[in-house]
Amino acid sequence: MARTPSGVRQGAALTLVFGTVLLVGAATGAWGEPVAVPRPPSADAARRLADPAGAALTRQQAERLVETGGDPWAAYYSPEAYRDFTQGRYLGVGLSVGRAQDGSTAVSQVQPAGPAEQAGIAAGDRLLRVDGVAADPLPVTEVVARLRGRPEGGAGSTVVLGVQRQGGPVRELVLRRRLLAAREVTVEHPRPGVVRVAVRGFTDGVAEQVRAAVRGARGVVLDLRGNSGGLVGEAVETASLFLDGGPVAWYESRGERRDLTAARGGDTATPLVVLVDGGTMSAAELLAGALQDRCRAVLVGARTFGKGTVQQPSRLADGAVLELTVGRYHTPGGRTPDGTGLTPDVPLPAGAAPQDAPALADTVLLGLGRG
């Protein structure tokens, strides 16, 4: 099996960042017995890194561990790259992609004033090729990795896209990558009282942005399509907005069970629909799985990616960060989505396009009582 591109490993990390995770109590047997799962290949290496001597790894040693350690989600960040990652900056061209039911790859979102918008790309366009490689046979995560390129390429590196608008000719466009500030949270009001909040990644402050967006809403659609994960502490805090305490997820690390628990006082009454697709992964799957298992939300869309592993960051002596997989997380009901993903309660009909999903979510929301 081909290794996961480093850009995807970094962008999809389910990160437990230096004490930000709420480890506030244990779930009881009401949520089922622990499920035995294989030990992640890098758990022992991560434990060795926890020793102060482990921080003495050189960059070359850390990069070699990432490439040869058998951990598909291991990632090495320079100090600057890790800062950009946690603060929501990324190298790219400013577009998000999704996979339609027919297997085609479509542009789902275009960042205003980014290279893609300036080249005339719009949501709904079909993405045919990336640097001459057909997009449809590739996993969505690899398409994203190719769009972003390797970190060492830097701003100004180019990517050639084959793009087609419905009924139009195929356009070959050369785009230059830039360091972009991710718009992780966007808010729409499709009708009075209803708010649709799209969260593209969990970086610092995202949960607070979601809190502000849903305040006073009488119906909420939480759009996690194309969300590759990020800071698990932000995902747990987002779950806390819709739960009144209780379990969000659990995982094992160094032989001990660690429980991720929602804070008390969340809104448990407002109708809630969560949109997911094949690009929903990692911390976004953790959040969606918790809301589904706790019967707090209806999941709508397509099966999620299936990345249910936990990465632990370790600071190296030069300030760089090495992330290694330490465990597989489980939802409150005892499921691990790793390798299988989450199945939506209401799937998109066969042949439906990704842009049809919000309308289906709104229909489900009406059925939940927000009309």
Foldseek 3Di string as FASTA:
>chain_A
DDADDQLLLLQQAAEAPDPLFDLDDDFDCVQDDADDDDFAQCQVVVVVCVPVVVLADDPVRLVVCCVPSNFSNKHWFDLVRVVCQQQQKAKFQAWAWAAWLVQWIFTQDGDPPGQCVVQPDDGGKTWQDKQNHGDRVDQSSVVRCSRRDDVVCAFQDWIWTFIGHVPGDTDIDITTIDTDRDPQWDWDDPDPLEIEIEGQEDHPPPLVVVLVRNVRGQAYEYEQELRSYGHLSSLLANLLQADAKDFLKWKDHPRDIGTRMHHGDHHQPRAYEYEYHQNRDRSSLSNVLQCVVVVRYFYEEAFYNAQFWHWYWRAHPNRMIIIGTGTGMAGSNNDTSHPPGDGGPHYDDRPDTPVCGVVVRVVVRVVVPDD
